[in-house]
């Protein structure tokens, strides 16, 4: 099934990488930004990268992107997480929200530091209420992989929302060529998000750009 996907804060590297992959997979992608002109510039860069392939890709403000989408994706830095959600609370009602944010606290980004709510996804749920399905995903996939256009040697953990919402997100990951796993309820997002700090630490320690994870032992 093809969806209209609105990427909140989609002009950053993570948002652009996800938009790039989903556009190539045939989904309609709307890049959102606080500034519509910045969103349009990001779209032009992605179109140049995609080349002559016909894709549905557009840019607008964050609120207009959310209004027009079936599925919203939040890719802003964690410092802007709560304020962004408060500002879009009305538009997000009844939607599926994929939260890609990780509660990194510079400069100690290799240290797991969760907010009082327990995780970014739990914070989002507390702000948005019961009528929004909040699902964590893609925290363990680097933007270098997403924008490379190459096969991604990494798995994705999908947690939060209900089973139906997680199944949709797993399908979106598979559309990008990723293997995704149902990691259960929203309380489990503390582990999913915490892995990012560990992977950043591994990147630094072993001097690699994009460490990832694999789930083994399941056929």
N, C-alpha and C. Protein backbone atom coordinates (compact mmCIF):
# COMPACT_ATOMS: atom_id res chain seq x y z
N UNK A 1 0.84 -1.20 0.00
CA UNK A 1 0.00 0.00 0.00
C UNK A 1 0.88 1.25 0.00
N UNK A 2 0.47 2.25 -0.75
CA UNK A 2 1.22 3.50 -0.82
C UNK A 2 0.55 4.56 0.05
N UNK A 3 1.38 5.34 0.75
CA UNK A 3 0.89 6.34 1.69
C UNK A 3 1.38 7.73 1.32
N UNK A 4 0.70 8.73 1.87
CA UNK A 4 1.22 10.10 1.85
C UNK A 4 1.90 10.33 3.18
N UNK A 5 3.21 10.59 3.14
CA UNK A 5 4.03 10.68 4.34
C UNK A 5 4.51 12.11 4.52
N UNK A 6 4.18 12.73 5.64
CA UNK A 6 4.63 14.07 5.94
C UNK A 6 5.77 14.03 6.94
N UNK A 7 6.92 14.56 6.57
CA UNK A 7 8.10 14.49 7.42
C UNK A 7 8.31 15.84 8.11
N UNK A 8 8.07 15.87 9.41
CA UNK A 8 8.20 17.08 10.21
C UNK A 8 9.69 17.33 10.47
N UNK A 9 10.16 18.51 10.09
CA UNK A 9 11.59 18.76 10.20
C UNK A 9 12.37 17.96 9.17
N UNK A 10 11.78 17.79 8.01
CA UNK A 10 12.33 16.90 6.99
C UNK A 10 13.51 17.45 6.21
N UNK A 11 13.94 18.66 6.52
CA UNK A 11 15.08 19.23 5.79
C UNK A 11 16.43 18.77 6.35
N UNK A 12 16.42 18.16 7.53
CA UNK A 12 17.66 17.62 8.10
C UNK A 12 18.09 16.35 7.40
N UNK A 13 19.25 15.84 7.79
CA UNK A 13 19.81 14.69 7.09
C UNK A 13 18.98 13.43 7.28
N UNK A 14 18.50 13.19 8.49
CA UNK A 14 17.69 11.99 8.75
C UNK A 14 16.37 12.06 7.99
N UNK A 15 15.69 13.22 8.09
CA UNK A 15 14.42 13.38 7.40
C UNK A 15 14.57 13.29 5.89
N UNK A 16 15.62 13.90 5.36
CA UNK A 16 15.86 13.83 3.92
C UNK A 16 16.16 12.41 3.48
N UNK A 17 16.92 11.68 4.31
CA UNK A 17 17.25 10.30 3.97
C UNK A 17 16.03 9.42 3.93
N UNK A 18 15.14 9.56 4.91
CA UNK A 18 13.91 8.79 4.92
C UNK A 18 13.02 9.17 3.74
N UNK A 19 12.90 10.48 3.48
CA UNK A 19 12.10 10.94 2.36
C UNK A 19 12.62 10.41 1.03
N UNK A 20 13.92 10.40 0.89
CA UNK A 20 14.56 9.88 -0.32
C UNK A 20 14.19 8.41 -0.56
N UNK A 21 14.32 7.61 0.48
CA UNK A 21 14.02 6.18 0.36
C UNK A 21 12.54 5.93 0.07
N UNK A 22 11.66 6.65 0.77
CA UNK A 22 10.23 6.42 0.57
C UNK A 22 9.75 6.94 -0.79
N UNK A 23 10.30 8.02 -1.25
CA UNK A 23 9.92 8.52 -2.58
C UNK A 23 10.31 7.51 -3.65
N UNK A 24 11.51 6.95 -3.52
CA UNK A 24 11.95 5.94 -4.48
C UNK A 24 11.07 4.69 -4.43
N UNK A 25 10.50 4.42 -3.25
CA UNK A 25 9.63 3.25 -3.08
C UNK A 25 8.22 3.49 -3.59
N UNK A 26 7.92 4.72 -4.02
CA UNK A 26 6.62 5.00 -4.61
C UNK A 26 5.62 5.69 -3.70
N UNK A 27 6.03 6.04 -2.50
CA UNK A 27 5.14 6.79 -1.61
C UNK A 27 5.15 8.27 -1.97
N UNK A 28 4.08 8.97 -1.62
CA UNK A 28 4.02 10.41 -1.80
C UNK A 28 4.64 11.05 -0.56
N UNK A 29 5.71 11.81 -0.73
CA UNK A 29 6.46 12.36 0.39
C UNK A 29 6.33 13.88 0.41
N UNK A 30 5.99 14.41 1.59
CA UNK A 30 5.92 15.86 1.80
C UNK A 30 6.99 16.23 2.82
N UNK A 31 7.98 17.01 2.40
CA UNK A 31 9.01 17.49 3.30
C UNK A 31 8.49 18.73 4.03
N UNK A 32 8.48 18.67 5.36
CA UNK A 32 7.99 19.80 6.15
C UNK A 32 9.12 20.55 6.81
N UNK A 33 8.90 21.84 7.06
CA UNK A 33 9.86 22.67 7.76
C UNK A 33 9.11 23.85 8.38
N UNK A 34 9.74 24.50 9.36
CA UNK A 34 9.13 25.73 9.88
C UNK A 34 9.10 26.80 8.79
N UNK A 35 10.01 26.67 7.83
CA UNK A 35 10.11 27.63 6.73
C UNK A 35 9.84 26.90 5.42
N UNK A 36 8.77 27.28 4.71
CA UNK A 36 8.38 26.59 3.49
C UNK A 36 9.47 26.66 2.43
N UNK A 37 10.16 27.79 2.34
CA UNK A 37 11.22 27.94 1.34
C UNK A 37 12.35 26.95 1.59
N UNK A 38 12.69 26.74 2.85
CA UNK A 38 13.73 25.77 3.19
C UNK A 38 13.29 24.36 2.79
N UNK A 39 12.02 24.05 2.97
CA UNK A 39 11.50 22.74 2.57
C UNK A 39 11.60 22.55 1.06
N UNK A 40 11.27 23.58 0.31
CA UNK A 40 11.35 23.50 -1.15
C UNK A 40 12.79 23.33 -1.62
N UNK A 41 13.73 23.96 -0.94
CA UNK A 41 15.14 23.79 -1.28
C UNK A 41 15.59 22.35 -1.03
N UNK A 42 15.12 21.77 0.06
CA UNK A 42 15.46 20.38 0.36
C UNK A 42 14.89 19.44 -0.69
N UNK A 43 13.69 19.74 -1.16
CA UNK A 43 13.06 18.93 -2.21
C UNK A 43 13.89 18.97 -3.50
N UNK A 44 14.37 20.16 -3.86
CA UNK A 44 15.17 20.29 -5.08
C UNK A 44 16.46 19.47 -4.98
N UNK A 45 17.08 19.48 -3.82
CA UNK A 45 18.30 18.67 -3.62
C UNK A 45 18.00 17.18 -3.78
N UNK A 46 16.87 16.75 -3.22
CA UNK A 46 16.49 15.34 -3.33
C UNK A 46 16.15 14.98 -4.78
N UNK A 47 15.48 15.88 -5.48
CA UNK A 47 15.15 15.60 -6.89
C UNK A 47 16.40 15.46 -7.74
N UNK A 48 17.40 16.26 -7.45
CA UNK A 48 18.67 16.14 -8.18
C UNK A 48 19.32 14.78 -7.90
N UNK A 49 19.22 14.33 -6.66
CA UNK A 49 19.80 13.05 -6.29
C UNK A 49 19.03 11.89 -6.92
N UNK A 50 17.72 12.02 -6.97
CA UNK A 50 16.88 10.95 -7.53
C UNK A 50 17.04 10.86 -9.04
N UNK A 51 17.25 11.99 -9.70
CA UNK A 51 17.44 11.97 -11.15
C UNK A 51 16.13 11.96 -11.91
N UNK A 52 16.05 11.16 -12.96
CA UNK A 52 14.92 11.20 -13.86
C UNK A 52 13.73 10.35 -13.42
N UNK A 53 13.88 9.58 -12.40
CA UNK A 53 12.79 8.73 -11.93
C UNK A 53 11.62 9.59 -11.48
N UNK A 54 10.41 9.21 -11.87
CA UNK A 54 9.20 9.94 -11.49
C UNK A 54 8.85 9.64 -10.03
N UNK A 55 8.81 10.67 -9.20
CA UNK A 55 8.45 10.51 -7.80
C UNK A 55 7.48 11.61 -7.40
N UNK A 56 6.73 11.35 -6.32
CA UNK A 56 5.82 12.36 -5.77
C UNK A 56 6.49 12.96 -4.54
N UNK A 57 7.04 14.14 -4.70
CA UNK A 57 7.84 14.77 -3.67
C UNK A 57 7.55 16.26 -3.66
N UNK A 58 7.19 16.79 -2.50
CA UNK A 58 6.87 18.22 -2.39
C UNK A 58 7.35 18.76 -1.04
N UNK A 59 7.33 20.09 -0.90
CA UNK A 59 7.78 20.72 0.33
C UNK A 59 6.82 21.81 0.77
N UNK A 60 6.65 21.95 2.09
CA UNK A 60 5.76 22.96 2.62
C UNK A 60 6.07 23.16 4.12
N UNK A 61 5.23 23.87 4.82
CA UNK A 61 5.42 24.05 6.25
C UNK A 61 5.07 22.76 7.00
N UNK A 62 5.57 22.64 8.23
CA UNK A 62 5.28 21.44 9.02
C UNK A 62 3.80 21.21 9.21
N UNK A 63 3.05 22.25 9.54
CA UNK A 63 1.63 22.06 9.80
C UNK A 63 0.86 21.65 8.55
N UNK A 64 1.23 22.21 7.41
CA UNK A 64 0.56 21.83 6.16
C UNK A 64 0.93 20.39 5.77
N UNK A 65 2.17 20.01 6.04
CA UNK A 65 2.60 18.64 5.74
C UNK A 65 1.80 17.63 6.57
N UNK A 66 1.58 17.96 7.85
CA UNK A 66 0.83 17.07 8.73
C UNK A 66 -0.64 17.00 8.31
N UNK A 67 -1.21 18.14 7.96
CA UNK A 67 -2.61 18.16 7.54
C UNK A 67 -2.84 17.26 6.32
N UNK A 68 -1.88 17.24 5.40
CA UNK A 68 -2.06 16.54 4.12
C UNK A 68 -1.66 15.08 4.16
N UNK A 69 -1.03 14.62 5.24
CA UNK A 69 -0.45 13.27 5.22
C UNK A 69 -1.35 12.21 5.83
N UNK A 70 -1.07 10.96 5.49
CA UNK A 70 -1.65 9.81 6.18
C UNK A 70 -0.83 9.46 7.41
N UNK A 71 0.49 9.55 7.24
CA UNK A 71 1.45 9.18 8.29
C UNK A 71 2.42 10.34 8.48
N UNK A 72 2.59 10.77 9.73
CA UNK A 72 3.54 11.83 10.04
C UNK A 72 4.82 11.22 10.62
N UNK A 73 5.95 11.83 10.30
CA UNK A 73 7.25 11.35 10.77
C UNK A 73 7.98 12.53 11.41
N UNK A 74 8.39 12.37 12.66
CA UNK A 74 9.04 13.45 13.39
C UNK A 74 10.55 13.24 13.43
N UNK A 75 11.30 14.17 12.82
CA UNK A 75 12.76 14.02 12.73
C UNK A 75 13.51 15.25 13.24
N UNK A 76 12.86 16.05 14.11
CA UNK A 76 13.54 17.23 14.65
C UNK A 76 14.51 16.82 15.75
N UNK A 77 15.51 17.66 16.07
CA UNK A 77 16.37 17.38 17.23
C UNK A 77 15.54 17.31 18.50
N UNK A 78 16.01 16.54 19.49
CA UNK A 78 15.21 16.36 20.69
C UNK A 78 14.97 17.68 21.43
N UNK A 79 15.87 18.63 21.31
CA UNK A 79 15.69 19.92 21.97
C UNK A 79 14.41 20.62 21.50
N UNK A 80 13.96 20.29 20.27
CA UNK A 80 12.75 20.90 19.72
C UNK A 80 11.56 19.94 19.76
N UNK A 81 11.74 18.77 20.34
CA UNK A 81 10.74 17.70 20.30
C UNK A 81 9.40 18.12 20.92
N UNK A 82 9.43 18.50 22.19
CA UNK A 82 8.18 18.82 22.88
C UNK A 82 7.49 20.04 22.28
N UNK A 83 8.25 21.09 22.00
CA UNK A 83 7.65 22.32 21.46
C UNK A 83 7.02 22.07 20.09
N UNK A 84 7.67 21.27 19.27
CA UNK A 84 7.13 20.95 17.94
C UNK A 84 5.82 20.19 18.06
N UNK A 85 5.79 19.21 18.95
CA UNK A 85 4.56 18.43 19.14
C UNK A 85 3.43 19.27 19.71
N UNK A 86 3.75 20.15 20.66
CA UNK A 86 2.72 21.04 21.21
C UNK A 86 2.13 21.91 20.11
N UNK A 87 2.98 22.37 19.20
CA UNK A 87 2.52 23.24 18.13
C UNK A 87 1.69 22.53 17.08
N UNK A 88 1.88 21.22 16.95
CA UNK A 88 1.18 20.44 15.92
C UNK A 88 0.14 19.48 16.52
N UNK A 89 -0.13 19.63 17.79
CA UNK A 89 -1.01 18.69 18.50
C UNK A 89 -2.36 18.52 17.81
N UNK A 90 -2.97 19.62 17.43
CA UNK A 90 -4.31 19.55 16.81
C UNK A 90 -4.24 18.83 15.47
N UNK A 91 -3.25 19.18 14.64
CA UNK A 91 -3.14 18.58 13.30
C UNK A 91 -2.82 17.09 13.35
N UNK A 92 -2.17 16.64 14.44
CA UNK A 92 -1.75 15.24 14.54
C UNK A 92 -2.84 14.30 15.06
N UNK A 93 -3.93 14.85 15.55
CA UNK A 93 -4.97 14.00 16.10
C UNK A 93 -5.51 13.02 15.05
N UNK A 94 -5.60 11.74 15.45
CA UNK A 94 -6.09 10.70 14.56
C UNK A 94 -5.05 10.14 13.61
N UNK A 95 -3.82 10.63 13.70
CA UNK A 95 -2.76 10.20 12.78
C UNK A 95 -1.89 9.10 13.42
N UNK A 96 -1.11 8.47 12.58
CA UNK A 96 0.00 7.63 13.01
C UNK A 96 1.25 8.49 12.95
N UNK A 97 1.97 8.59 14.08
CA UNK A 97 3.19 9.38 14.15
C UNK A 97 4.38 8.45 14.37
N UNK A 98 5.32 8.47 13.42
CA UNK A 98 6.58 7.75 13.59
C UNK A 98 7.57 8.72 14.20
N UNK A 99 7.98 8.44 15.42
CA UNK A 99 8.91 9.31 16.14
C UNK A 99 10.32 8.76 15.96
N UNK A 100 11.17 9.51 15.27
CA UNK A 100 12.55 9.09 15.00
C UNK A 100 13.52 9.78 15.97
N UNK A 101 12.99 10.65 16.82
CA UNK A 101 13.85 11.44 17.71
C UNK A 101 14.50 10.56 18.78
N UNK A 102 15.68 10.97 19.19
CA UNK A 102 16.42 10.33 20.27
C UNK A 102 16.78 11.42 21.28
N UNK A 103 16.56 11.19 22.58
CA UNK A 103 16.86 12.22 23.58
C UNK A 103 18.36 12.34 23.87
N UNK A 104 19.10 12.79 22.86
CA UNK A 104 20.53 13.05 23.04
C UNK A 104 20.71 14.39 23.75
N UNK A 105 21.64 14.43 24.68
CA UNK A 105 21.91 15.66 25.43
C UNK A 105 23.38 16.02 25.24
N UNK A 106 23.68 16.87 24.25
CA UNK A 106 25.07 17.26 24.02
C UNK A 106 25.65 17.94 25.27
N UNK A 107 26.96 17.80 25.52
CA UNK A 107 27.92 17.14 24.64
C UNK A 107 28.07 15.64 24.87
N UNK A 108 27.38 15.10 25.89
CA UNK A 108 27.56 13.69 26.24
C UNK A 108 26.59 12.81 25.48
N UNK A 109 26.73 12.79 24.15
CA UNK A 109 25.78 12.06 23.31
C UNK A 109 25.99 10.55 23.34
N UNK A 110 27.09 10.08 23.91
CA UNK A 110 27.31 8.63 24.03
C UNK A 110 26.73 8.09 25.33
N UNK A 111 26.14 8.95 26.14
CA UNK A 111 25.52 8.55 27.40
C UNK A 111 24.01 8.55 27.24
N UNK A 112 23.36 7.45 27.61
CA UNK A 112 21.91 7.36 27.53
C UNK A 112 21.31 8.29 28.59
N UNK A 113 20.50 9.26 28.13
CA UNK A 113 19.90 10.25 29.03
C UNK A 113 18.44 10.45 28.64
N UNK A 114 17.55 9.72 29.30
CA UNK A 114 16.14 9.77 28.96
C UNK A 114 15.41 10.90 29.69
N UNK A 115 14.37 11.44 29.07
CA UNK A 115 13.59 12.50 29.72
C UNK A 115 12.75 11.93 30.86
N UNK A 116 12.15 12.78 31.68
CA UNK A 116 11.34 12.30 32.81
C UNK A 116 10.23 11.33 32.41
N UNK A 117 9.69 11.51 31.19
CA UNK A 117 8.61 10.62 30.74
C UNK A 117 9.10 9.20 30.47
N UNK A 118 10.41 9.02 30.26
CA UNK A 118 10.99 7.70 30.02
C UNK A 118 11.62 7.56 28.66
N UNK A 119 11.08 8.23 27.66
CA UNK A 119 11.63 8.20 26.30
C UNK A 119 11.00 9.33 25.50
N UNK A 120 11.54 9.59 24.32
CA UNK A 120 10.93 10.61 23.44
C UNK A 120 9.53 10.20 23.04
N UNK A 121 9.35 8.91 22.73
CA UNK A 121 8.02 8.43 22.31
C UNK A 121 7.01 8.57 23.44
N UNK A 122 7.42 8.25 24.67
CA UNK A 122 6.51 8.41 25.81
C UNK A 122 6.20 9.87 26.06
N UNK A 123 7.16 10.75 25.82
CA UNK A 123 6.91 12.18 25.93
C UNK A 123 5.89 12.61 24.87
N UNK A 124 6.06 12.11 23.63
CA UNK A 124 5.13 12.43 22.56
C UNK A 124 3.72 11.96 22.89
N UNK A 125 3.61 10.76 23.44
CA UNK A 125 2.30 10.21 23.79
C UNK A 125 1.64 11.05 24.88
N UNK A 126 2.44 11.50 25.86
CA UNK A 126 1.90 12.32 26.94
C UNK A 126 1.37 13.65 26.41
N UNK A 127 2.03 14.19 25.41
CA UNK A 127 1.62 15.47 24.83
C UNK A 127 0.40 15.32 23.92
N UNK A 128 0.41 14.27 23.10
CA UNK A 128 -0.59 14.15 22.03
C UNK A 128 -1.87 13.45 22.46
N UNK A 129 -1.82 12.60 23.47
CA UNK A 129 -3.02 11.94 23.95
C UNK A 129 -3.33 10.63 23.25
N UNK A 130 -4.46 10.01 23.61
CA UNK A 130 -4.76 8.64 23.18
C UNK A 130 -5.14 8.47 21.71
N UNK A 131 -5.48 9.55 21.03
CA UNK A 131 -5.95 9.43 19.65
C UNK A 131 -4.84 9.46 18.61
N UNK A 132 -3.59 9.47 19.06
CA UNK A 132 -2.45 9.43 18.15
C UNK A 132 -1.65 8.16 18.44
N UNK A 133 -1.42 7.36 17.40
CA UNK A 133 -0.58 6.17 17.53
C UNK A 133 0.88 6.60 17.37
N UNK A 134 1.64 6.57 18.46
CA UNK A 134 3.05 6.97 18.44
C UNK A 134 3.93 5.73 18.36
N UNK A 135 4.73 5.64 17.30
CA UNK A 135 5.58 4.48 17.08
C UNK A 135 7.03 4.94 16.89
N UNK A 136 7.94 4.33 17.63
CA UNK A 136 9.38 4.58 17.48
C UNK A 136 9.94 3.71 16.35
N UNK A 137 10.82 4.28 15.53
CA UNK A 137 11.51 3.48 14.51
C UNK A 137 12.65 4.29 13.92
N UNK A 138 13.60 3.59 13.33
CA UNK A 138 14.71 4.15 12.54
C UNK A 138 15.78 4.85 13.37
N UNK A 139 15.73 4.69 14.71
CA UNK A 139 16.76 5.33 15.54
C UNK A 139 18.14 4.70 15.33
N UNK A 140 18.18 3.47 14.86
CA UNK A 140 19.45 2.76 14.71
C UNK A 140 19.98 2.77 13.29
N UNK A 141 19.37 3.56 12.42
CA UNK A 141 19.81 3.65 11.02
C UNK A 141 20.40 5.04 10.77
N UNK A 142 21.63 5.10 10.32
CA UNK A 142 22.28 6.40 10.11
C UNK A 142 21.84 7.04 8.80
N UNK A 143 21.89 8.36 8.78
CA UNK A 143 21.52 9.07 7.55
C UNK A 143 22.47 8.76 6.41
N UNK A 144 23.74 8.40 6.75
CA UNK A 144 24.69 8.02 5.70
C UNK A 144 24.16 6.82 4.91
N UNK A 145 23.62 5.85 5.64
CA UNK A 145 23.03 4.68 4.98
C UNK A 145 21.83 5.08 4.14
N UNK A 146 20.95 5.89 4.69
CA UNK A 146 19.71 6.24 4.01
C UNK A 146 19.97 6.98 2.70
N UNK A 147 20.93 7.89 2.72
CA UNK A 147 21.20 8.71 1.55
C UNK A 147 22.18 8.06 0.56
N UNK A 148 22.74 6.91 0.94
CA UNK A 148 23.73 6.28 0.07
C UNK A 148 23.09 5.67 -1.17
N UNK A 149 21.82 5.28 -1.05
CA UNK A 149 21.17 4.59 -2.16
C UNK A 149 21.55 3.13 -2.26
N UNK A 150 22.43 2.67 -1.37
CA UNK A 150 22.89 1.29 -1.39
C UNK A 150 22.09 0.44 -0.39
N UNK A 151 22.25 -0.87 -0.48
CA UNK A 151 21.59 -1.76 0.47
C UNK A 151 22.08 -1.45 1.88
N UNK A 152 21.14 -1.46 2.83
CA UNK A 152 21.48 -1.09 4.21
C UNK A 152 21.65 -2.35 5.05
N UNK A 153 22.84 -2.52 5.60
CA UNK A 153 23.17 -3.70 6.41
C UNK A 153 22.84 -3.42 7.87
N UNK A 154 21.56 -3.34 8.16
CA UNK A 154 21.13 -2.94 9.50
C UNK A 154 19.66 -3.31 9.69
N UNK A 155 19.30 -3.71 10.91
CA UNK A 155 17.91 -3.99 11.24
C UNK A 155 17.28 -2.79 11.94
N UNK A 156 15.94 -2.80 12.01
CA UNK A 156 15.18 -1.72 12.65
C UNK A 156 14.25 -2.33 13.69
N UNK A 157 14.22 -1.70 14.87
CA UNK A 157 13.28 -2.09 15.92
C UNK A 157 12.11 -1.11 15.91
N UNK A 158 10.90 -1.66 15.92
CA UNK A 158 9.68 -0.85 15.86
C UNK A 158 8.88 -1.08 17.13
N UNK A 159 8.71 -0.03 17.93
CA UNK A 159 8.01 -0.17 19.22
C UNK A 159 7.02 0.96 19.40
N UNK A 160 5.94 0.65 20.14
CA UNK A 160 4.93 1.66 20.43
C UNK A 160 3.66 1.44 19.64
N UNK A 161 2.69 2.31 19.84
CA UNK A 161 1.42 2.19 19.12
C UNK A 161 0.73 0.86 19.41
N UNK A 162 -0.15 0.47 18.49
CA UNK A 162 -0.77 -0.86 18.58
C UNK A 162 -0.18 -1.76 17.50
N UNK A 163 -0.63 -3.01 17.47
CA UNK A 163 -0.06 -3.97 16.52
C UNK A 163 -0.23 -3.52 15.08
N UNK A 164 -1.40 -2.95 14.79
CA UNK A 164 -1.66 -2.50 13.42
C UNK A 164 -0.73 -1.37 13.02
N UNK A 165 -0.51 -0.43 13.92
CA UNK A 165 0.38 0.69 13.63
C UNK A 165 1.81 0.19 13.42
N UNK A 166 2.26 -0.74 14.29
CA UNK A 166 3.61 -1.27 14.14
C UNK A 166 3.76 -2.03 12.82
N UNK A 167 2.71 -2.73 12.41
CA UNK A 167 2.76 -3.47 11.14
C UNK A 167 2.93 -2.51 9.96
N UNK A 168 2.26 -1.37 10.01
CA UNK A 168 2.40 -0.38 8.93
C UNK A 168 3.83 0.13 8.87
N UNK A 169 4.42 0.45 10.03
CA UNK A 169 5.78 0.98 10.06
C UNK A 169 6.79 -0.07 9.61
N UNK A 170 6.55 -1.32 10.00
CA UNK A 170 7.42 -2.41 9.53
C UNK A 170 7.37 -2.49 8.01
N UNK A 171 6.18 -2.34 7.45
CA UNK A 171 6.04 -2.35 5.98
C UNK A 171 6.79 -1.20 5.33
N UNK A 172 6.75 -0.01 5.96
CA UNK A 172 7.47 1.13 5.41
C UNK A 172 8.98 0.90 5.46
N UNK A 173 9.45 0.24 6.51
CA UNK A 173 10.87 -0.09 6.59
C UNK A 173 11.26 -1.09 5.50
N UNK A 174 10.41 -2.07 5.28
CA UNK A 174 10.68 -3.08 4.25
C UNK A 174 10.67 -2.45 2.86
N UNK A 175 9.85 -1.42 2.67
CA UNK A 175 9.84 -0.71 1.39
C UNK A 175 11.19 -0.07 1.08
N UNK A 176 11.96 0.23 2.14
CA UNK A 176 13.29 0.82 1.97
C UNK A 176 14.37 -0.24 1.90
N UNK A 177 13.97 -1.52 1.95
CA UNK A 177 14.95 -2.59 1.90
C UNK A 177 15.51 -2.99 3.25
N UNK A 178 14.87 -2.52 4.32
CA UNK A 178 15.33 -2.83 5.67
C UNK A 178 14.57 -4.02 6.25
N UNK A 179 15.21 -4.74 7.16
CA UNK A 179 14.52 -5.76 7.95
C UNK A 179 14.08 -5.12 9.24
N UNK A 180 12.78 -5.16 9.52
CA UNK A 180 12.24 -4.53 10.72
C UNK A 180 11.58 -5.57 11.61
N UNK A 181 11.62 -5.31 12.92
CA UNK A 181 11.10 -6.25 13.91
C UNK A 181 10.12 -5.54 14.84
N UNK A 182 9.05 -6.26 15.20
CA UNK A 182 8.08 -5.75 16.16
C UNK A 182 8.67 -5.86 17.55
N UNK A 183 9.03 -4.71 18.14
CA UNK A 183 9.67 -4.68 19.45
C UNK A 183 8.69 -4.39 20.58
N UNK A 184 7.38 -4.42 20.28
CA UNK A 184 6.40 -4.36 21.34
C UNK A 184 5.91 -2.98 21.72
N UNK A 185 5.45 -2.86 22.94
CA UNK A 185 4.69 -1.71 23.42
C UNK A 185 5.57 -0.47 23.61
N UNK A 186 4.91 0.66 23.81
CA UNK A 186 5.62 1.94 23.85
C UNK A 186 6.61 2.05 25.02
N UNK A 187 6.36 1.32 26.10
CA UNK A 187 7.30 1.34 27.21
C UNK A 187 8.67 0.80 26.80
N UNK A 188 8.72 -0.03 25.77
CA UNK A 188 9.98 -0.60 25.29
C UNK A 188 10.82 0.41 24.50
N UNK A 189 10.25 1.57 24.22
CA UNK A 189 11.01 2.55 23.43
C UNK A 189 12.22 3.09 24.17
N UNK A 190 12.24 2.95 25.49
CA UNK A 190 13.42 3.37 26.25
C UNK A 190 14.66 2.61 25.78
N UNK A 191 14.50 1.34 25.43
CA UNK A 191 15.62 0.53 24.95
C UNK A 191 15.96 0.90 23.50
N UNK A 192 14.94 1.04 22.67
CA UNK A 192 15.15 1.37 21.26
C UNK A 192 15.91 2.68 21.13
N UNK A 193 15.47 3.70 21.85
CA UNK A 193 16.12 5.01 21.76
C UNK A 193 17.50 5.01 22.39
N UNK A 194 17.65 4.26 23.49
CA UNK A 194 18.94 4.20 24.16
C UNK A 194 20.04 3.59 23.33
N UNK A 195 19.68 2.73 22.39
CA UNK A 195 20.68 2.11 21.52
C UNK A 195 21.45 3.14 20.69
N UNK A 196 20.82 4.26 20.38
CA UNK A 196 21.49 5.26 19.54
C UNK A 196 22.75 5.78 20.20
N UNK A 197 22.69 6.11 21.48
CA UNK A 197 23.88 6.59 22.19
C UNK A 197 24.98 5.54 22.20
N UNK A 198 24.58 4.28 22.35
CA UNK A 198 25.57 3.21 22.33
C UNK A 198 26.23 3.09 20.95
N UNK A 199 25.43 3.20 19.90
CA UNK A 199 25.97 3.12 18.54
C UNK A 199 26.89 4.30 18.23
N UNK A 200 26.53 5.49 18.72
CA UNK A 200 27.41 6.65 18.53
C UNK A 200 28.75 6.39 19.22
N UNK A 201 28.70 5.83 20.41
CA UNK A 201 29.93 5.50 21.12
C UNK A 201 30.78 4.49 20.37
N UNK A 202 30.14 3.50 19.77
CA UNK A 202 30.86 2.50 18.97
C UNK A 202 31.49 3.14 17.74
N UNK A 203 30.76 4.05 17.10
CA UNK A 203 31.32 4.76 15.95
C UNK A 203 32.61 5.48 16.33
N UNK A 204 32.56 6.14 17.47
CA UNK A 204 33.73 6.90 17.91
C UNK A 204 34.89 5.97 18.28
N UNK A 205 34.57 4.95 19.06
CA UNK A 205 35.61 4.06 19.56
C UNK A 205 36.31 3.30 18.44
N UNK A 206 35.51 2.81 17.48
CA UNK A 206 36.07 1.96 16.43
C UNK A 206 36.27 2.71 15.11
N UNK A 207 36.07 4.03 15.15
CA UNK A 207 36.34 4.89 14.00
C UNK A 207 35.61 4.43 12.74
N UNK A 208 34.30 4.22 12.89
CA UNK A 208 33.43 3.87 11.77
C UNK A 208 32.32 4.91 11.68
N UNK A 209 31.68 5.08 10.51
CA UNK A 209 30.67 6.13 10.37
C UNK A 209 29.27 5.74 10.78
N UNK A 210 28.95 4.45 10.79
CA UNK A 210 27.54 4.10 10.92
C UNK A 210 27.33 2.68 11.43
N UNK A 211 27.66 2.43 12.68
CA UNK A 211 27.39 1.12 13.29
C UNK A 211 25.88 0.90 13.33
N UNK A 212 25.47 -0.38 13.22
CA UNK A 212 24.04 -0.73 13.27
C UNK A 212 23.83 -1.97 14.11
N UNK A 213 22.60 -2.50 14.08
CA UNK A 213 22.28 -3.70 14.84
C UNK A 213 21.72 -4.79 13.93
N UNK A 214 21.83 -6.04 14.37
CA UNK A 214 21.19 -7.17 13.72
C UNK A 214 20.52 -8.03 14.77
N UNK A 215 19.31 -8.51 14.47
CA UNK A 215 18.63 -9.49 15.30
C UNK A 215 18.89 -10.87 14.72
N UNK A 216 19.41 -11.78 15.53
CA UNK A 216 19.77 -13.11 15.04
C UNK A 216 18.96 -14.18 15.75
N UNK A 217 19.01 -15.39 15.21
CA UNK A 217 18.36 -16.53 15.84
C UNK A 217 16.92 -16.71 15.45
N UNK A 218 16.38 -15.86 14.55
CA UNK A 218 15.00 -15.98 14.09
C UNK A 218 15.02 -16.20 12.59
N UNK A 219 14.39 -17.28 12.14
CA UNK A 219 14.37 -17.56 10.70
C UNK A 219 13.21 -16.83 10.05
